């Protein structure tokens, strides 16, 4: 695995609510341009699933890739049914027959309960701090029951697969994104999609925005 290093401009685009913490790219595939992609957000939260798949679909289409959400392709099958290995083989054959060459698959792989300070403290000039200053700054640890707050950290994983005819279904890219305490579904999903697309662009696994297509989609 390698940690993807983003440019300063990239960091400005996103808040601390989502963070790409690790990723892996198939070294045999330096660049890739998906032509028809199945977008899958594996979650029982129907609202989040719809927003994620629709948002990612639009971003891909702005980059000259045809994209189909799993909700449109499967209806409710992925939420309500368990697939066998035989059914998955048939599904892959169906996707190939319908011209799909790629799958983007996202799911939550873990949840952690965390604790953090509610108050922000100035970390400048730590070398020159005195004992009394440090004590006064942190004495709320003993006396203020609201000094800490609980939050949840969601660990997610997104994989890009190539549905290559007459070959094994190749893993092209895998990224791990952490989501901090998501309360507003719309905001956090929008942020997640932007970060994911930015990562794929940096890895040259999707094309750049096509201005004429982007204009048509926005209209």
N, C-alpha and C. Protein backbone atom coordinates (compact mmCIF):
# COMPACT_ATOMS: atom_id res chain seq x y z
N UNK A 1 0.85 -1.19 0.00
CA UNK A 1 0.00 0.00 0.00
C UNK A 1 0.88 1.24 0.00
N UNK A 2 0.37 2.28 -0.62
CA UNK A 2 1.11 3.53 -0.58
C UNK A 2 0.17 4.66 -0.23
N UNK A 3 0.67 5.61 0.51
CA UNK A 3 -0.13 6.76 0.87
C UNK A 3 -0.09 7.77 -0.25
N UNK A 4 -1.24 8.16 -0.75
CA UNK A 4 -1.30 9.13 -1.84
C UNK A 4 -1.06 10.52 -1.28
N UNK A 5 -0.11 11.25 -1.86
CA UNK A 5 0.21 12.60 -1.43
C UNK A 5 -0.48 13.58 -2.36
N UNK A 6 -1.42 14.35 -1.81
CA UNK A 6 -2.15 15.32 -2.60
C UNK A 6 -1.43 16.66 -2.60
N UNK A 7 -1.71 17.44 -3.63
CA UNK A 7 -1.21 18.81 -3.70
C UNK A 7 -1.94 19.68 -2.68
N UNK A 8 -1.36 20.85 -2.38
CA UNK A 8 -1.99 21.77 -1.44
C UNK A 8 -3.38 22.16 -1.92
N UNK A 9 -3.51 22.36 -3.22
CA UNK A 9 -4.81 22.72 -3.79
C UNK A 9 -5.83 21.64 -3.48
N UNK A 10 -5.42 20.40 -3.57
CA UNK A 10 -6.33 19.30 -3.29
C UNK A 10 -6.82 19.31 -1.86
N UNK A 11 -5.96 19.60 -0.92
CA UNK A 11 -6.36 19.63 0.47
C UNK A 11 -7.38 20.73 0.73
N UNK A 12 -7.25 21.83 0.05
CA UNK A 12 -8.15 22.95 0.28
C UNK A 12 -9.58 22.59 -0.09
N UNK A 13 -9.73 21.66 -1.03
CA UNK A 13 -11.06 21.32 -1.52
C UNK A 13 -11.90 20.59 -0.48
N UNK A 14 -11.27 19.99 0.52
CA UNK A 14 -12.02 19.12 1.42
C UNK A 14 -11.81 19.52 2.88
N UNK A 15 -12.83 19.30 3.68
CA UNK A 15 -12.71 19.55 5.11
C UNK A 15 -12.15 18.31 5.78
N UNK A 16 -12.03 18.38 7.11
CA UNK A 16 -11.43 17.25 7.83
C UNK A 16 -12.44 16.13 8.05
N UNK A 17 -13.66 16.24 7.54
CA UNK A 17 -14.68 15.21 7.77
C UNK A 17 -14.38 13.94 6.98
N UNK A 18 -13.70 14.05 5.84
CA UNK A 18 -13.30 12.88 5.06
C UNK A 18 -11.81 12.94 4.80
N UNK A 19 -11.17 11.79 4.86
CA UNK A 19 -9.71 11.75 4.66
C UNK A 19 -9.32 10.44 3.99
N UNK A 20 -8.57 10.55 2.90
CA UNK A 20 -7.99 9.37 2.27
C UNK A 20 -6.76 8.97 3.07
N UNK A 21 -6.83 7.84 3.77
CA UNK A 21 -5.75 7.46 4.66
C UNK A 21 -4.77 6.48 4.03
N UNK A 22 -5.17 5.80 2.99
CA UNK A 22 -4.26 4.85 2.33
C UNK A 22 -4.86 4.45 0.99
N UNK A 23 -4.01 3.99 0.08
CA UNK A 23 -4.51 3.52 -1.22
C UNK A 23 -3.48 2.59 -1.85
N UNK A 24 -3.94 1.83 -2.82
CA UNK A 24 -3.09 0.93 -3.59
C UNK A 24 -3.52 1.01 -5.03
N UNK A 25 -2.54 1.01 -5.95
CA UNK A 25 -2.82 1.03 -7.37
C UNK A 25 -2.07 -0.11 -8.04
N UNK A 26 -2.74 -0.79 -8.94
CA UNK A 26 -2.13 -1.90 -9.68
C UNK A 26 -0.94 -1.37 -10.48
N UNK A 27 0.27 -1.83 -10.18
CA UNK A 27 1.45 -1.29 -10.88
C UNK A 27 1.49 -1.64 -12.36
N UNK A 28 0.68 -2.60 -12.77
CA UNK A 28 0.65 -2.99 -14.18
C UNK A 28 -0.28 -2.10 -15.01
N UNK A 29 -1.00 -1.18 -14.34
CA UNK A 29 -1.94 -0.31 -15.04
C UNK A 29 -1.61 1.14 -14.70
N UNK A 30 -0.70 1.76 -15.46
CA UNK A 30 -0.30 3.14 -15.15
C UNK A 30 -1.41 4.15 -15.33
N UNK A 31 -2.30 3.92 -16.30
CA UNK A 31 -3.43 4.81 -16.52
C UNK A 31 -4.60 4.00 -17.04
N UNK A 32 -5.79 4.58 -16.91
CA UNK A 32 -6.99 3.83 -17.26
C UNK A 32 -8.11 4.82 -17.56
N UNK A 33 -8.96 4.48 -18.52
CA UNK A 33 -10.13 5.30 -18.83
C UNK A 33 -11.34 4.39 -18.91
N UNK A 34 -12.16 4.35 -17.85
CA UNK A 34 -13.37 3.50 -17.90
C UNK A 34 -14.37 4.05 -18.91
N UNK A 35 -15.01 3.15 -19.63
CA UNK A 35 -16.00 3.58 -20.63
C UNK A 35 -17.43 3.43 -20.11
N UNK A 36 -17.70 2.32 -19.41
CA UNK A 36 -19.03 2.12 -18.83
C UNK A 36 -18.85 1.51 -17.45
N UNK A 37 -19.30 2.25 -16.44
CA UNK A 37 -19.00 1.89 -15.05
C UNK A 37 -20.28 1.59 -14.28
N UNK A 38 -20.27 0.51 -13.51
CA UNK A 38 -21.33 0.25 -12.55
C UNK A 38 -20.90 0.81 -11.21
N UNK A 39 -21.69 1.71 -10.64
CA UNK A 39 -21.37 2.37 -9.37
C UNK A 39 -22.19 1.73 -8.27
N UNK A 40 -21.51 1.16 -7.27
CA UNK A 40 -22.20 0.46 -6.17
C UNK A 40 -21.81 1.10 -4.84
N UNK A 41 -22.81 1.57 -4.10
CA UNK A 41 -22.61 2.00 -2.73
C UNK A 41 -23.32 1.02 -1.82
N UNK A 42 -22.57 0.15 -1.15
CA UNK A 42 -23.15 -0.92 -0.35
C UNK A 42 -23.51 -0.39 1.04
N UNK A 43 -24.77 0.04 1.19
CA UNK A 43 -25.25 0.53 2.48
C UNK A 43 -26.75 0.33 2.55
N UNK A 44 -27.26 0.14 3.75
CA UNK A 44 -28.70 0.01 3.95
C UNK A 44 -29.38 1.36 4.07
N UNK A 45 -28.58 2.44 4.15
CA UNK A 45 -29.12 3.79 4.18
C UNK A 45 -29.50 4.19 2.75
N UNK A 46 -30.77 4.09 2.43
CA UNK A 46 -31.22 4.30 1.04
C UNK A 46 -30.91 5.71 0.57
N UNK A 47 -31.10 6.69 1.46
CA UNK A 47 -30.83 8.08 1.07
C UNK A 47 -29.37 8.29 0.73
N UNK A 48 -28.48 7.78 1.60
CA UNK A 48 -27.04 7.95 1.36
C UNK A 48 -26.61 7.19 0.11
N UNK A 49 -27.15 6.00 -0.08
CA UNK A 49 -26.81 5.21 -1.26
C UNK A 49 -27.20 5.92 -2.55
N UNK A 50 -28.41 6.46 -2.56
CA UNK A 50 -28.90 7.15 -3.75
C UNK A 50 -28.04 8.39 -4.04
N UNK A 51 -27.77 9.16 -3.00
CA UNK A 51 -27.00 10.39 -3.21
C UNK A 51 -25.58 10.09 -3.65
N UNK A 52 -24.95 9.08 -3.03
CA UNK A 52 -23.58 8.71 -3.39
C UNK A 52 -23.50 8.23 -4.83
N UNK A 53 -24.36 7.29 -5.19
CA UNK A 53 -24.30 6.73 -6.53
C UNK A 53 -24.65 7.76 -7.60
N UNK A 54 -25.63 8.60 -7.31
CA UNK A 54 -26.01 9.63 -8.28
C UNK A 54 -24.90 10.66 -8.44
N UNK A 55 -24.31 11.08 -7.32
CA UNK A 55 -23.24 12.07 -7.38
C UNK A 55 -22.02 11.56 -8.10
N UNK A 56 -21.62 10.32 -7.81
CA UNK A 56 -20.45 9.74 -8.47
C UNK A 56 -20.73 9.50 -9.95
N UNK A 57 -21.94 9.08 -10.26
CA UNK A 57 -22.35 8.87 -11.67
C UNK A 57 -22.19 10.17 -12.46
N UNK A 58 -22.64 11.28 -11.89
CA UNK A 58 -22.55 12.57 -12.58
C UNK A 58 -21.10 12.99 -12.78
N UNK A 59 -20.25 12.76 -11.76
CA UNK A 59 -18.84 13.13 -11.88
C UNK A 59 -18.15 12.31 -12.97
N UNK A 60 -18.48 11.04 -13.07
CA UNK A 60 -17.88 10.19 -14.11
C UNK A 60 -18.35 10.60 -15.50
N UNK A 61 -19.62 10.93 -15.61
CA UNK A 61 -20.16 11.33 -16.91
C UNK A 61 -19.55 12.65 -17.39
N UNK A 62 -19.17 13.51 -16.44
CA UNK A 62 -18.50 14.76 -16.81
C UNK A 62 -17.10 14.50 -17.35
N UNK A 63 -16.62 13.27 -17.16
CA UNK A 63 -15.29 12.88 -17.62
C UNK A 63 -15.38 11.86 -18.76
N UNK A 64 -16.47 11.90 -19.48
CA UNK A 64 -16.66 11.10 -20.69
C UNK A 64 -16.77 9.60 -20.43
N UNK A 65 -17.19 9.21 -19.23
CA UNK A 65 -17.46 7.80 -18.94
C UNK A 65 -18.96 7.63 -18.75
N UNK A 66 -19.50 6.59 -19.33
CA UNK A 66 -20.90 6.26 -19.07
C UNK A 66 -20.96 5.56 -17.72
N UNK A 67 -21.94 5.94 -16.90
CA UNK A 67 -22.04 5.35 -15.56
C UNK A 67 -23.48 5.00 -15.25
N UNK A 68 -23.66 3.90 -14.52
CA UNK A 68 -24.99 3.43 -14.13
C UNK A 68 -24.95 3.12 -12.64
N UNK A 69 -25.93 3.62 -11.91
CA UNK A 69 -25.98 3.35 -10.47
C UNK A 69 -26.54 1.95 -10.23
N UNK A 70 -26.14 1.35 -9.11
CA UNK A 70 -26.64 0.01 -8.80
C UNK A 70 -28.15 0.03 -8.55
N UNK A 71 -28.66 1.16 -8.05
CA UNK A 71 -30.10 1.25 -7.82
C UNK A 71 -30.87 1.15 -9.13
N UNK A 72 -30.32 1.73 -10.18
CA UNK A 72 -30.97 1.62 -11.48
C UNK A 72 -30.78 0.23 -12.09
N UNK A 73 -29.62 -0.35 -11.86
CA UNK A 73 -29.30 -1.64 -12.50
C UNK A 73 -29.94 -2.82 -11.77
N UNK A 74 -29.91 -2.77 -10.43
CA UNK A 74 -30.37 -3.91 -9.63
C UNK A 74 -31.74 -3.70 -8.99
N UNK A 75 -32.26 -2.50 -9.02
CA UNK A 75 -33.40 -2.16 -8.19
C UNK A 75 -32.97 -2.31 -6.73
N UNK A 76 -33.63 -3.15 -5.93
CA UNK A 76 -33.26 -3.30 -4.51
C UNK A 76 -32.54 -4.61 -4.24
N UNK A 77 -32.06 -5.29 -5.28
CA UNK A 77 -31.52 -6.64 -5.11
C UNK A 77 -30.35 -6.70 -4.15
N UNK A 78 -29.40 -5.73 -4.24
CA UNK A 78 -28.22 -5.81 -3.39
C UNK A 78 -28.55 -5.63 -1.92
N UNK A 79 -29.66 -4.97 -1.62
CA UNK A 79 -30.03 -4.77 -0.22
C UNK A 79 -30.85 -5.94 0.32
N UNK A 80 -31.64 -6.57 -0.53
CA UNK A 80 -32.62 -7.53 -0.06
C UNK A 80 -32.26 -8.98 -0.34
N UNK A 81 -31.25 -9.24 -1.16
CA UNK A 81 -30.95 -10.61 -1.52
C UNK A 81 -29.48 -10.94 -1.27
N UNK A 82 -29.22 -12.21 -0.96
CA UNK A 82 -27.85 -12.70 -0.83
C UNK A 82 -27.49 -13.46 -2.10
N UNK A 83 -26.38 -13.06 -2.71
CA UNK A 83 -25.96 -13.68 -3.97
C UNK A 83 -25.08 -14.89 -3.69
N UNK A 84 -25.23 -15.92 -4.49
CA UNK A 84 -24.33 -17.07 -4.45
C UNK A 84 -23.17 -16.80 -5.40
N UNK A 85 -22.12 -17.61 -5.31
CA UNK A 85 -20.99 -17.47 -6.22
C UNK A 85 -21.43 -17.69 -7.67
N UNK A 86 -22.33 -18.63 -7.87
CA UNK A 86 -22.85 -18.90 -9.22
C UNK A 86 -23.59 -17.67 -9.76
N UNK A 87 -24.39 -17.03 -8.92
CA UNK A 87 -25.13 -15.84 -9.34
C UNK A 87 -24.17 -14.68 -9.65
N UNK A 88 -23.09 -14.58 -8.88
CA UNK A 88 -22.12 -13.52 -9.14
C UNK A 88 -21.42 -13.75 -10.48
N UNK A 89 -21.13 -15.01 -10.81
CA UNK A 89 -20.55 -15.31 -12.13
C UNK A 89 -21.50 -14.88 -13.24
N UNK A 90 -22.78 -15.20 -13.05
CA UNK A 90 -23.78 -14.80 -14.05
C UNK A 90 -23.90 -13.28 -14.14
N UNK A 91 -23.79 -12.63 -12.99
CA UNK A 91 -23.87 -11.16 -12.97
C UNK A 91 -22.72 -10.55 -13.77
N UNK A 92 -21.51 -11.05 -13.56
CA UNK A 92 -20.37 -10.53 -14.31
C UNK A 92 -20.53 -10.77 -15.81
N UNK A 93 -21.06 -11.92 -16.18
CA UNK A 93 -21.31 -12.20 -17.60
C UNK A 93 -22.34 -11.22 -18.16
N UNK A 94 -23.36 -10.90 -17.37
CA UNK A 94 -24.38 -9.95 -17.80
C UNK A 94 -23.79 -8.56 -17.99
N UNK A 95 -22.95 -8.15 -17.05
CA UNK A 95 -22.31 -6.83 -17.15
C UNK A 95 -21.45 -6.75 -18.41
N UNK A 96 -20.69 -7.79 -18.69
CA UNK A 96 -19.86 -7.81 -19.89
C UNK A 96 -20.73 -7.75 -21.15
N UNK A 97 -21.82 -8.50 -21.16
CA UNK A 97 -22.70 -8.53 -22.32
C UNK A 97 -23.34 -7.17 -22.57
N UNK A 98 -23.52 -6.39 -21.50
CA UNK A 98 -24.15 -5.07 -21.63
C UNK A 98 -23.12 -3.96 -21.79
N UNK A 99 -21.86 -4.33 -21.98
CA UNK A 99 -20.84 -3.34 -22.31
C UNK A 99 -20.13 -2.69 -21.15
N UNK A 100 -20.35 -3.17 -19.93
CA UNK A 100 -19.63 -2.62 -18.78
C UNK A 100 -18.18 -3.10 -18.81
N UNK A 101 -17.25 -2.19 -18.52
CA UNK A 101 -15.85 -2.58 -18.41
C UNK A 101 -15.27 -2.29 -17.03
N UNK A 102 -16.06 -1.68 -16.13
CA UNK A 102 -15.53 -1.29 -14.83
C UNK A 102 -16.62 -1.33 -13.77
N UNK A 103 -16.18 -1.54 -12.52
CA UNK A 103 -17.06 -1.45 -11.35
C UNK A 103 -16.36 -0.62 -10.28
N UNK A 104 -17.09 0.33 -9.70
CA UNK A 104 -16.62 1.07 -8.53
C UNK A 104 -17.49 0.65 -7.35
N UNK A 105 -16.86 0.02 -6.37
CA UNK A 105 -17.58 -0.63 -5.26
C UNK A 105 -17.14 0.00 -3.94
N UNK A 106 -18.08 0.61 -3.22
CA UNK A 106 -17.78 1.30 -1.96
C UNK A 106 -18.59 0.70 -0.82
N UNK A 107 -17.94 0.51 0.32
CA UNK A 107 -18.66 -0.01 1.49
C UNK A 107 -17.98 0.44 2.78
N UNK A 108 -18.72 0.41 3.87
CA UNK A 108 -18.16 0.67 5.21
C UNK A 108 -17.56 -0.63 5.72
N UNK A 109 -16.31 -0.56 6.18
CA UNK A 109 -15.65 -1.78 6.65
C UNK A 109 -15.39 -1.77 8.16
N UNK A 110 -15.72 -0.67 8.83
CA UNK A 110 -15.52 -0.62 10.27
C UNK A 110 -15.99 0.70 10.86
N UNK A 111 -16.34 0.67 12.15
CA UNK A 111 -16.78 1.86 12.87
C UNK A 111 -16.08 1.88 14.23
N UNK A 112 -15.54 3.03 14.60
CA UNK A 112 -14.89 3.19 15.90
C UNK A 112 -15.54 4.32 16.68
N UNK A 113 -15.74 4.10 17.97
CA UNK A 113 -16.15 5.18 18.87
C UNK A 113 -14.90 5.87 19.38
N UNK A 114 -14.84 7.20 19.24
CA UNK A 114 -13.66 7.97 19.60
C UNK A 114 -14.01 9.05 20.63
N UNK A 115 -12.97 9.61 21.24
CA UNK A 115 -13.12 10.73 22.17
C UNK A 115 -12.13 11.81 21.76
N UNK A 116 -12.56 13.07 21.81
CA UNK A 116 -11.66 14.17 21.49
C UNK A 116 -11.92 15.35 22.42
N UNK A 117 -10.98 16.25 22.46
CA UNK A 117 -11.16 17.48 23.23
C UNK A 117 -12.21 18.35 22.55
N UNK A 118 -13.05 18.97 23.34
CA UNK A 118 -14.01 19.92 22.77
C UNK A 118 -13.36 21.26 22.49
N UNK A 119 -12.33 21.57 23.26
CA UNK A 119 -11.72 22.89 23.15
C UNK A 119 -10.44 22.80 22.34
N UNK A 120 -10.24 23.76 21.45
CA UNK A 120 -9.01 23.83 20.67
C UNK A 120 -7.94 24.56 21.46
N UNK A 121 -6.73 24.01 21.46
CA UNK A 121 -5.64 24.65 22.19
C UNK A 121 -4.52 25.03 21.25
N UNK A 122 -3.89 26.13 21.57
CA UNK A 122 -2.81 26.65 20.75
C UNK A 122 -1.56 25.82 20.96
N UNK A 123 -1.05 25.23 19.88
CA UNK A 123 0.13 24.38 20.00
C UNK A 123 1.42 25.09 19.64
N UNK A 124 1.37 26.41 19.39
CA UNK A 124 2.56 27.15 19.00
C UNK A 124 3.54 27.30 20.16
N UNK A 125 4.77 27.36 19.81
CA UNK A 125 5.84 27.65 20.78
C UNK A 125 5.80 26.70 21.98
N UNK A 126 5.57 25.41 21.71
CA UNK A 126 5.46 24.45 22.81
C UNK A 126 6.76 24.33 23.60
N UNK A 127 7.88 24.58 22.95
CA UNK A 127 9.17 24.46 23.63
C UNK A 127 9.31 25.46 24.76
N UNK A 128 8.61 26.58 24.64
CA UNK A 128 8.81 27.67 25.59
C UNK A 128 7.71 27.74 26.65
N UNK A 129 6.80 26.78 26.67
CA UNK A 129 5.73 26.84 27.65
C UNK A 129 6.24 26.54 29.05
N UNK A 130 5.62 27.19 30.03
CA UNK A 130 5.95 26.94 31.42
C UNK A 130 4.95 25.96 32.01
N UNK A 131 5.38 25.37 33.14
CA UNK A 131 4.52 24.39 33.80
C UNK A 131 3.17 24.98 34.18
N UNK A 132 3.17 26.18 34.76
CA UNK A 132 1.91 26.77 35.22
C UNK A 132 0.97 27.06 34.04
N UNK A 133 1.56 27.46 32.90
CA UNK A 133 0.72 27.72 31.73
C UNK A 133 0.06 26.43 31.23
N UNK A 134 0.85 25.37 31.21
CA UNK A 134 0.33 24.08 30.75
C UNK A 134 -0.75 23.57 31.69
N UNK A 135 -0.52 23.72 32.99
CA UNK A 135 -1.50 23.24 33.98
C UNK A 135 -2.80 24.01 33.85
N UNK A 136 -2.71 25.33 33.78
CA UNK A 136 -3.90 26.16 33.66
C UNK A 136 -4.68 25.84 32.39
N UNK A 137 -3.97 25.53 31.33
CA UNK A 137 -4.61 25.25 30.06
C UNK A 137 -5.42 23.96 30.10
N UNK A 138 -4.90 22.95 30.82
CA UNK A 138 -5.52 21.63 30.78
C UNK A 138 -6.21 21.22 32.08
N UNK A 139 -6.40 22.13 33.00
CA UNK A 139 -6.98 21.73 34.27
C UNK A 139 -8.44 21.30 34.16
N UNK A 140 -9.09 21.65 33.04
CA UNK A 140 -10.46 21.20 32.83
C UNK A 140 -10.57 19.68 32.77
N UNK A 141 -9.45 19.01 32.54
CA UNK A 141 -9.45 17.55 32.56
C UNK A 141 -10.06 17.00 33.85
N UNK A 142 -9.82 17.70 34.97
CA UNK A 142 -10.31 17.24 36.27
C UNK A 142 -11.70 17.77 36.60
N UNK A 143 -11.98 19.01 36.21
CA UNK A 143 -13.13 19.70 36.77
C UNK A 143 -14.30 19.88 35.80
N UNK A 144 -14.09 19.66 34.52
CA UNK A 144 -15.16 19.91 33.56
C UNK A 144 -15.59 18.59 32.92
N UNK A 145 -16.78 18.10 33.26
CA UNK A 145 -17.23 16.82 32.69
C UNK A 145 -17.49 16.90 31.19
N UNK A 146 -17.58 18.10 30.64
CA UNK A 146 -17.81 18.26 29.22
C UNK A 146 -16.53 18.56 28.46
N UNK A 147 -15.41 18.25 29.07
CA UNK A 147 -14.11 18.52 28.45
C UNK A 147 -13.93 17.69 27.17
N UNK A 148 -14.48 16.47 27.21
CA UNK A 148 -14.38 15.59 26.06
C UNK A 148 -15.74 15.47 25.36
N UNK A 149 -15.70 15.06 24.10
CA UNK A 149 -16.92 14.70 23.41
C UNK A 149 -16.69 13.41 22.64
N UNK A 150 -17.72 12.61 22.56
CA UNK A 150 -17.66 11.34 21.83
C UNK A 150 -18.00 11.58 20.36
N UNK A 151 -17.36 10.82 19.48
CA UNK A 151 -17.72 10.87 18.07
C UNK A 151 -17.42 9.52 17.44
N UNK A 152 -17.92 9.33 16.23
CA UNK A 152 -17.72 8.07 15.54
C UNK A 152 -16.87 8.27 14.30
N UNK A 153 -15.98 7.31 14.07
CA UNK A 153 -15.12 7.32 12.90
C UNK A 153 -15.47 6.11 12.04
N UNK A 154 -15.91 6.38 10.82
CA UNK A 154 -16.29 5.31 9.89
C UNK A 154 -15.14 5.05 8.92
N UNK A 155 -14.74 3.78 8.81
CA UNK A 155 -13.70 3.37 7.88
C UNK A 155 -14.38 2.79 6.63
N UNK A 156 -14.09 3.37 5.48
CA UNK A 156 -14.70 2.89 4.24
C UNK A 156 -13.63 2.45 3.25
N UNK A 157 -14.06 1.67 2.30
CA UNK A 157 -13.15 1.17 1.27
C UNK A 157 -13.84 1.27 -0.08
N UNK A 158 -13.13 1.83 -1.06
CA UNK A 158 -13.63 1.86 -2.44
C UNK A 158 -12.65 1.12 -3.33
N UNK A 159 -13.19 0.26 -4.19
CA UNK A 159 -12.37 -0.52 -5.12
C UNK A 159 -12.83 -0.26 -6.55
N UNK A 160 -11.87 -0.17 -7.45
CA UNK A 160 -12.16 -0.09 -8.88
C UNK A 160 -11.69 -1.39 -9.52
N UNK A 161 -12.62 -2.06 -10.19
CA UNK A 161 -12.32 -3.31 -10.88
C UNK A 161 -12.47 -3.14 -12.38
N UNK A 162 -11.62 -3.81 -13.13
CA UNK A 162 -11.76 -3.89 -14.58
C UNK A 162 -12.45 -5.21 -14.92
N UNK A 163 -13.55 -5.12 -15.66
CA UNK A 163 -14.22 -6.32 -16.16
C UNK A 163 -13.64 -6.62 -17.54
N UNK A 164 -12.50 -7.28 -17.52
CA UNK A 164 -11.75 -7.50 -18.75
C UNK A 164 -12.15 -8.84 -19.37
N UNK A 165 -12.65 -8.87 -20.60
CA UNK A 165 -13.05 -10.13 -21.24
C UNK A 165 -11.88 -11.11 -21.32
N UNK A 166 -12.18 -12.37 -21.04
CA UNK A 166 -11.19 -13.46 -21.13
C UNK A 166 -10.05 -13.30 -20.14
N UNK A 167 -10.25 -12.49 -19.10
CA UNK A 167 -9.23 -12.33 -18.06
C UNK A 167 -9.90 -12.36 -16.70
N UNK A 168 -9.06 -12.52 -15.67
CA UNK A 168 -9.58 -12.41 -14.31
C UNK A 168 -10.09 -10.98 -14.08
N UNK A 169 -11.05 -10.82 -13.20
CA UNK A 169 -11.59 -9.49 -12.90
C UNK A 169 -10.55 -8.73 -12.10
N UNK A 170 -9.80 -7.88 -12.76
CA UNK A 170 -8.64 -7.26 -12.17
C UNK A 170 -8.99 -6.12 -11.23
N UNK A 171 -8.32 -6.09 -10.07
CA UNK A 171 -8.40 -4.95 -9.17
C UNK A 171 -7.43 -3.89 -9.68
N UNK A 172 -7.96 -2.70 -9.98
CA UNK A 172 -7.13 -1.61 -10.48
C UNK A 172 -6.66 -0.70 -9.37
N UNK A 173 -7.57 -0.40 -8.43
CA UNK A 173 -7.25 0.58 -7.39
C UNK A 173 -8.11 0.28 -6.17
N UNK A 174 -7.52 0.57 -5.00
CA UNK A 174 -8.25 0.43 -3.75
C UNK A 174 -7.88 1.61 -2.86
N UNK A 175 -8.89 2.27 -2.30
CA UNK A 175 -8.64 3.41 -1.42
C UNK A 175 -9.42 3.30 -0.13
N UNK A 176 -8.79 3.73 0.97
CA UNK A 176 -9.44 3.72 2.28
C UNK A 176 -9.70 5.16 2.71
N UNK A 177 -10.97 5.48 2.92
CA UNK A 177 -11.37 6.83 3.31
C UNK A 177 -12.07 6.77 4.66
N UNK A 178 -11.62 7.62 5.59
CA UNK A 178 -12.25 7.73 6.90
C UNK A 178 -13.24 8.89 6.90
N UNK A 179 -14.39 8.67 7.52
CA UNK A 179 -15.42 9.71 7.66
C UNK A 179 -15.59 9.98 9.15
N UNK A 180 -15.45 11.23 9.54
CA UNK A 180 -15.56 11.62 10.94
C UNK A 180 -16.95 12.11 11.27
N UNK A 181 -17.63 11.38 12.16
CA UNK A 181 -18.89 11.82 12.77
C UNK A 181 -19.87 12.43 11.77
N UNK A 182 -20.33 11.65 10.80
CA UNK A 182 -21.23 12.23 9.79
C UNK A 182 -22.63 12.48 10.34
N UNK A 183 -23.06 13.73 10.37
CA UNK A 183 -24.41 14.08 10.81
C UNK A 183 -25.29 14.48 9.63
N UNK A 184 -24.74 15.28 8.74
CA UNK A 184 -25.48 15.73 7.57
C UNK A 184 -25.12 14.83 6.39
N UNK A 185 -26.05 13.96 6.01
CA UNK A 185 -25.78 12.97 4.96
C UNK A 185 -25.39 13.64 3.65
N UNK A 186 -26.13 14.67 3.27
CA UNK A 186 -25.87 15.31 1.98
C UNK A 186 -24.47 15.89 1.92
N UNK A 187 -24.08 16.65 2.94
CA UNK A 187 -22.77 17.30 2.94
C UNK A 187 -21.64 16.28 2.94
N UNK A 188 -21.77 15.24 3.75
CA UNK A 188 -20.67 14.28 3.89
C UNK A 188 -20.55 13.44 2.62
N UNK A 189 -21.66 13.09 1.97
CA UNK A 189 -21.60 12.30 0.75
C UNK A 189 -21.01 13.14 -0.38
N UNK A 190 -21.41 14.39 -0.47
CA UNK A 190 -20.83 15.28 -1.49
C UNK A 190 -19.32 15.39 -1.32
N UNK A 191 -18.90 15.55 -0.08
CA UNK A 191 -17.48 15.68 0.21
C UNK A 191 -16.73 14.38 -0.12
N UNK A 192 -17.35 13.26 0.21
CA UNK A 192 -16.75 11.95 -0.07
C UNK A 192 -16.55 11.75 -1.57
N UNK A 193 -17.59 12.06 -2.34
CA UNK A 193 -17.52 11.89 -3.80
C UNK A 193 -16.41 12.75 -4.39
N UNK A 194 -16.32 14.01 -3.94
CA UNK A 194 -15.28 14.91 -4.45
C UNK A 194 -13.88 14.36 -4.14
N UNK A 195 -13.70 13.87 -2.92
CA UNK A 195 -12.40 13.32 -2.54
C UNK A 195 -12.06 12.08 -3.35
N UNK A 196 -13.04 11.19 -3.53
CA UNK A 196 -12.82 9.96 -4.29
C UNK A 196 -12.44 10.28 -5.74
N UNK A 197 -13.18 11.17 -6.37
CA UNK A 197 -12.91 11.54 -7.76
C UNK A 197 -11.54 12.20 -7.87
N UNK A 198 -11.20 13.05 -6.91
CA UNK A 198 -9.88 13.69 -6.91
C UNK A 198 -8.77 12.65 -6.85
N UNK A 199 -8.95 11.63 -5.99
CA UNK A 199 -7.94 10.57 -5.87
C UNK A 199 -7.79 9.79 -7.17
N UNK A 200 -8.90 9.46 -7.80
CA UNK A 200 -8.84 8.71 -9.06
C UNK A 200 -8.20 9.54 -10.17
N UNK A 201 -8.46 10.84 -10.18
CA UNK A 201 -7.82 11.71 -11.16
C UNK A 201 -6.32 11.77 -10.94
N UNK A 202 -5.91 11.89 -9.69
CA UNK A 202 -4.49 11.94 -9.37
C UNK A 202 -3.76 10.68 -9.83
N UNK A 203 -4.46 9.56 -9.76
CA UNK A 203 -3.87 8.27 -10.16
C UNK A 203 -4.04 7.99 -11.66
N UNK A 204 -4.65 8.93 -12.39
CA UNK A 204 -4.89 8.79 -13.83
C UNK A 204 -5.75 7.56 -14.14
N UNK A 205 -6.78 7.38 -13.31
CA UNK A 205 -7.69 6.25 -13.50
C UNK A 205 -9.05 6.69 -14.02
N UNK A 206 -9.28 7.98 -14.12
CA UNK A 206 -10.41 8.54 -14.83
C UNK A 206 -9.90 9.76 -15.59
N UNK A 207 -10.61 10.14 -16.61
CA UNK A 207 -10.16 11.25 -17.43
C UNK A 207 -10.49 12.59 -16.80
N UNK A 208 -9.98 13.67 -17.38
CA UNK A 208 -10.29 15.02 -16.90
C UNK A 208 -11.70 15.42 -17.28
N UNK A 209 -12.21 16.47 -16.66
CA UNK A 209 -13.54 16.99 -16.99
C UNK A 209 -13.56 17.45 -18.44
N UNK A 210 -14.61 17.07 -19.15
CA UNK A 210 -14.84 17.54 -20.50
C UNK A 210 -15.83 18.71 -20.43
N UNK A 211 -15.36 19.94 -20.68
CA UNK A 211 -16.20 21.12 -20.44
C UNK A 211 -17.56 21.07 -21.11
N UNK A 212 -17.60 20.59 -22.35
CA UNK A 212 -18.88 20.57 -23.07
C UNK A 212 -19.86 19.58 -22.46
N UNK A 213 -19.33 18.45 -21.94
CA UNK A 213 -20.20 17.46 -21.28
C UNK A 213 -20.65 17.99 -19.94
N UNK A 214 -19.73 18.58 -19.17
CA UNK A 214 -20.06 19.11 -17.86
C UNK A 214 -21.15 20.16 -17.95
N UNK A 215 -21.08 21.01 -18.97
CA UNK A 215 -22.09 22.05 -19.15
C UNK A 215 -23.47 21.44 -19.41
N UNK A 216 -23.50 20.41 -20.24
CA UNK A 216 -24.78 19.76 -20.55
C UNK A 216 -25.38 19.12 -19.31
N UNK A 217 -24.53 18.48 -18.47
CA UNK A 217 -25.02 17.81 -17.27
C UNK A 217 -25.56 18.82 -16.27
N UNK A 218 -24.83 19.93 -16.09
CA UNK A 218 -25.25 20.94 -15.13
C UNK A 218 -26.55 21.60 -15.56
N UNK A 219 -26.75 21.74 -16.87
CA UNK A 219 -27.99 22.32 -17.36
C UNK A 219 -29.16 21.37 -17.11
